[in-house]
N, C-alpha and C. Protein backbone atom coordinates (compact mmCIF):
# COMPACT_ATOMS: atom_id res chain seq x y z
N MET A 1 38.47 45.22 95.72
CA MET A 1 38.05 45.05 96.99
C MET A 1 37.95 43.47 97.47
N LEU A 2 37.64 42.69 96.36
CA LEU A 2 37.49 41.21 96.60
C LEU A 2 39.03 40.70 96.82
N ASP A 3 40.03 41.23 96.08
CA ASP A 3 41.30 40.93 96.38
C ASP A 3 41.82 41.16 97.65
N LEU A 4 41.53 42.19 98.36
CA LEU A 4 41.70 42.51 99.71
C LEU A 4 41.10 41.52 100.61
N SER A 5 39.83 41.39 100.27
CA SER A 5 39.03 40.42 101.25
C SER A 5 39.60 38.97 101.23
N ILE A 6 40.08 38.62 100.08
CA ILE A 6 40.58 37.24 99.91
C ILE A 6 41.89 37.13 100.67
N LYS A 7 42.65 37.99 100.52
CA LYS A 7 44.07 38.16 101.30
C LYS A 7 43.87 38.16 102.79
N ILE A 8 42.93 38.74 103.26
CA ILE A 8 42.59 38.80 104.80
C ILE A 8 42.11 37.51 105.19
N THR A 9 41.27 36.84 104.34
CA THR A 9 40.65 35.59 104.55
C THR A 9 41.82 34.48 104.66
N LEU A 10 42.72 34.53 103.76
CA LEU A 10 43.88 33.68 103.72
C LEU A 10 44.70 33.74 104.99
N VAL A 11 44.76 34.96 105.41
CA VAL A 11 45.61 35.21 106.66
C VAL A 11 44.91 34.59 107.93
N VAL A 12 43.68 34.78 107.90
CA VAL A 12 42.83 34.33 109.12
C VAL A 12 42.80 32.77 109.05
N ILE A 13 42.69 32.20 107.90
CA ILE A 13 42.68 30.69 107.66
C ILE A 13 44.11 30.16 108.06
N ALA A 14 45.09 30.76 107.79
CA ALA A 14 46.36 30.26 108.16
C ALA A 14 46.68 30.36 109.50
N LEU A 15 46.25 31.42 110.27
CA LEU A 15 46.23 31.50 111.52
C LEU A 15 45.46 30.50 112.29
N SER A 16 44.45 30.22 111.78
CA SER A 16 43.45 29.02 112.33
C SER A 16 44.19 27.76 112.18
N MET A 17 44.73 27.58 110.99
CA MET A 17 45.55 26.25 110.83
C MET A 17 46.73 26.22 111.80
N GLY A 18 47.48 27.30 112.00
CA GLY A 18 48.54 27.35 113.03
C GLY A 18 48.05 26.93 114.40
N ILE A 19 46.95 27.58 114.85
CA ILE A 19 46.38 27.10 116.16
C ILE A 19 45.88 25.81 116.33
N THR A 20 45.34 25.37 115.19
CA THR A 20 44.95 23.93 115.26
C THR A 20 46.26 22.96 115.19
N VAL A 21 47.13 23.14 114.57
CA VAL A 21 48.37 22.34 114.53
C VAL A 21 49.02 22.49 116.01
N TYR A 22 49.02 23.50 116.57
CA TYR A 22 49.44 23.50 118.05
C TYR A 22 48.67 22.66 118.87
N ARG A 23 47.23 22.59 118.82
CA ARG A 23 46.41 21.77 119.49
C ARG A 23 46.61 20.33 119.27
N LEU A 24 47.02 20.10 117.95
CA LEU A 24 47.21 18.69 117.51
C LEU A 24 48.46 18.19 118.14
N ILE A 25 49.54 18.94 118.30
CA ILE A 25 50.76 18.57 118.90
C ILE A 25 50.62 18.58 120.40
N LYS A 26 50.02 19.59 120.98
CA LYS A 26 49.90 19.73 122.56
C LYS A 26 48.84 19.00 123.14
N GLY A 27 47.72 18.67 122.38
CA GLY A 27 46.58 18.06 122.83
C GLY A 27 46.77 17.19 124.04
N PRO A 28 46.03 17.27 125.27
CA PRO A 28 46.29 16.42 126.36
C PRO A 28 46.05 14.91 126.09
N ASP A 29 44.94 14.68 125.31
CA ASP A 29 44.68 13.21 125.05
C ASP A 29 44.21 12.94 123.57
N ALA A 30 43.83 11.85 123.33
CA ALA A 30 43.51 11.51 121.89
C ALA A 30 42.23 12.01 121.47
N PRO A 31 41.10 12.15 122.09
CA PRO A 31 39.96 12.78 121.65
C PRO A 31 40.26 14.41 121.24
N ASP A 32 41.09 14.94 121.89
CA ASP A 32 41.52 16.41 121.46
C ASP A 32 42.29 16.31 120.26
N ARG A 33 43.17 15.40 120.01
CA ARG A 33 43.99 15.24 118.86
C ARG A 33 43.06 14.92 117.59
N ILE A 34 42.10 14.08 117.80
CA ILE A 34 41.17 13.65 116.75
C ILE A 34 40.38 14.93 116.30
N LEU A 35 39.73 15.69 117.30
CA LEU A 35 39.13 16.96 116.97
C LEU A 35 39.99 18.08 116.18
N ALA A 36 41.27 18.15 116.56
CA ALA A 36 42.19 18.95 116.02
C ALA A 36 42.38 18.54 114.53
N LEU A 37 42.39 17.30 114.32
CA LEU A 37 42.64 16.89 112.92
C LEU A 37 41.41 17.09 112.12
N ASP A 38 40.24 16.82 112.67
CA ASP A 38 38.87 17.28 112.10
C ASP A 38 38.95 18.70 111.73
N THR A 39 39.31 19.62 112.54
CA THR A 39 39.29 21.00 112.48
C THR A 39 40.31 21.46 111.40
N LEU A 40 41.47 20.70 111.25
CA LEU A 40 42.56 20.91 110.38
C LEU A 40 41.94 20.44 108.97
N TYR A 41 41.23 19.49 108.91
CA TYR A 41 40.76 19.13 107.27
C TYR A 41 39.69 20.17 106.89
N VAL A 42 38.83 20.69 107.94
CA VAL A 42 37.79 21.60 107.45
C VAL A 42 38.59 22.96 107.06
N THR A 43 39.43 23.28 107.83
CA THR A 43 40.11 24.67 107.50
C THR A 43 40.94 24.39 106.32
N ALA A 44 41.44 23.17 105.91
CA ALA A 44 42.17 23.02 104.45
C ALA A 44 41.25 23.11 103.50
N VAL A 45 39.85 22.73 103.64
CA VAL A 45 38.94 22.73 102.63
C VAL A 45 38.65 24.14 102.44
N ALA A 46 38.48 24.89 103.52
CA ALA A 46 38.09 26.49 103.46
C ALA A 46 39.32 27.04 102.66
N LEU A 47 40.41 26.67 102.97
CA LEU A 47 41.55 27.15 102.21
C LEU A 47 41.46 27.00 100.77
N LEU A 48 41.34 25.82 100.40
CA LEU A 48 41.27 25.45 98.74
C LEU A 48 40.12 26.09 98.28
N ILE A 49 39.01 26.26 98.91
CA ILE A 49 37.80 26.98 98.31
C ILE A 49 38.27 28.46 98.05
N VAL A 50 38.84 29.17 99.01
CA VAL A 50 39.19 30.44 98.93
C VAL A 50 40.40 30.61 97.75
N LEU A 51 41.18 29.77 97.70
CA LEU A 51 42.18 29.70 96.63
C LEU A 51 41.54 29.58 95.33
N GLY A 52 40.63 28.70 95.31
CA GLY A 52 39.81 28.52 94.07
C GLY A 52 38.98 29.63 93.57
N ILE A 53 38.57 30.47 94.47
CA ILE A 53 37.81 31.62 94.02
C ILE A 53 38.82 32.69 93.75
N TYR A 54 39.94 32.78 94.25
CA TYR A 54 41.01 33.71 93.89
C TYR A 54 41.57 33.47 92.49
N ASP A 55 41.86 32.25 92.28
CA ASP A 55 42.61 31.80 91.18
C ASP A 55 41.59 31.41 89.94
N GLY A 56 40.35 31.17 90.42
CA GLY A 56 39.23 31.03 89.27
C GLY A 56 39.45 29.48 88.71
N SER A 57 40.26 28.70 89.22
CA SER A 57 40.34 27.29 88.79
C SER A 57 39.54 26.38 89.41
N PRO A 58 38.85 25.56 88.71
CA PRO A 58 37.93 24.42 89.44
C PRO A 58 38.64 23.22 90.06
N ILE A 59 39.87 23.18 89.77
CA ILE A 59 40.71 22.01 90.43
C ILE A 59 40.66 22.05 91.96
N TYR A 60 40.79 23.39 92.44
CA TYR A 60 40.81 23.59 93.76
C TYR A 60 39.49 23.06 94.44
N PHE A 61 38.25 23.17 93.73
CA PHE A 61 37.12 22.86 94.34
C PHE A 61 36.99 21.33 94.31
N GLU A 62 37.59 20.60 93.34
CA GLU A 62 37.67 19.16 93.30
C GLU A 62 38.47 18.68 94.35
N ALA A 63 39.72 19.39 94.60
CA ALA A 63 40.61 18.95 95.71
C ALA A 63 40.02 19.08 96.99
N ALA A 64 39.14 20.18 97.20
CA ALA A 64 38.53 20.38 98.35
C ALA A 64 37.52 19.42 98.56
N LEU A 65 36.75 18.93 97.56
CA LEU A 65 35.75 17.86 97.79
C LEU A 65 36.44 16.51 98.16
N LEU A 66 37.52 16.16 97.42
CA LEU A 66 38.27 14.97 98.01
C LEU A 66 38.80 14.96 99.40
N ILE A 67 39.42 16.07 99.86
CA ILE A 67 39.69 16.33 101.16
C ILE A 67 38.64 16.19 102.18
N ALA A 68 37.42 16.83 101.98
CA ALA A 68 36.43 16.65 102.69
C ALA A 68 35.85 15.21 102.99
N LEU A 69 35.97 14.53 101.84
CA LEU A 69 35.39 13.20 101.98
C LEU A 69 36.42 12.27 102.64
N MET A 70 37.70 12.33 102.51
CA MET A 70 38.71 11.74 103.07
C MET A 70 38.83 12.04 104.40
N GLY A 71 38.58 13.26 104.76
CA GLY A 71 38.80 13.66 106.19
C GLY A 71 37.50 13.25 106.87
N PHE A 72 36.39 13.14 106.44
CA PHE A 72 35.21 12.67 107.16
C PHE A 72 35.45 11.18 107.49
N VAL A 73 35.87 10.35 106.50
CA VAL A 73 36.13 8.98 106.68
C VAL A 73 37.12 8.72 107.68
N GLY A 74 38.17 9.57 107.54
CA GLY A 74 39.20 9.33 108.68
C GLY A 74 38.84 9.75 109.98
N THR A 75 37.97 10.72 110.16
CA THR A 75 37.54 11.15 111.52
C THR A 75 36.61 9.93 112.08
N VAL A 76 35.72 9.47 111.33
CA VAL A 76 34.89 8.36 111.76
C VAL A 76 35.73 7.14 112.08
N ALA A 77 36.78 6.75 111.24
CA ALA A 77 37.51 5.64 111.65
C ALA A 77 38.30 5.77 112.87
N LEU A 78 39.02 6.87 113.09
CA LEU A 78 39.70 7.25 114.32
C LEU A 78 38.83 7.19 115.63
N SER A 79 37.67 7.73 115.31
CA SER A 79 36.61 7.67 116.52
C SER A 79 36.18 6.34 116.84
N ARG A 80 35.89 5.58 115.80
CA ARG A 80 35.51 4.09 116.19
C ARG A 80 36.69 3.45 116.81
N TYR A 81 37.88 3.71 116.39
CA TYR A 81 38.98 2.95 116.91
C TYR A 81 39.34 3.32 118.31
N LEU A 82 39.07 4.67 118.55
CA LEU A 82 39.26 5.15 119.99
C LEU A 82 38.10 4.49 120.94
N ALA A 83 36.89 4.49 120.27
CA ALA A 83 35.65 4.01 121.21
C ALA A 83 35.75 2.54 121.38
N ARG A 84 36.03 1.82 120.36
CA ARG A 84 36.10 0.35 120.60
C ARG A 84 37.31 -0.44 120.46
N GLY A 85 38.39 0.06 119.95
CA GLY A 85 39.60 -0.46 119.97
C GLY A 85 39.76 -1.14 118.48
N ASP A 86 38.78 -1.21 117.62
CA ASP A 86 38.94 -1.76 116.28
C ASP A 86 38.13 -0.83 115.34
N VAL A 87 38.38 -0.90 113.99
CA VAL A 87 37.72 -0.08 113.10
C VAL A 87 36.62 -0.93 112.40
N MET A 88 36.85 -2.20 112.01
CA MET A 88 35.77 -2.87 111.45
C MET A 88 35.15 -3.88 112.30
N ASP A 89 33.98 -4.17 112.05
CA ASP A 89 33.24 -5.18 112.91
C ASP A 89 33.64 -6.57 112.76
């Protein structure tokens, strides 16, 4: 039963990533694209966690942690650049 649930979850996450990539490409302006990138890294973290549960390997969880950290820093940097025109003070 868990195997079927994981496969359904992977399909839903892949569908979510596809929709997010569409918004990233089609987005009308920069804030929409930044939000799409933020959503894309969150779904990538979810994908890695589900794959880690399915495979039973802890390396997926470490990769998910690194992507979450880098995604957060990237989102903050892009938002600051968009708001002020520079990243550093």
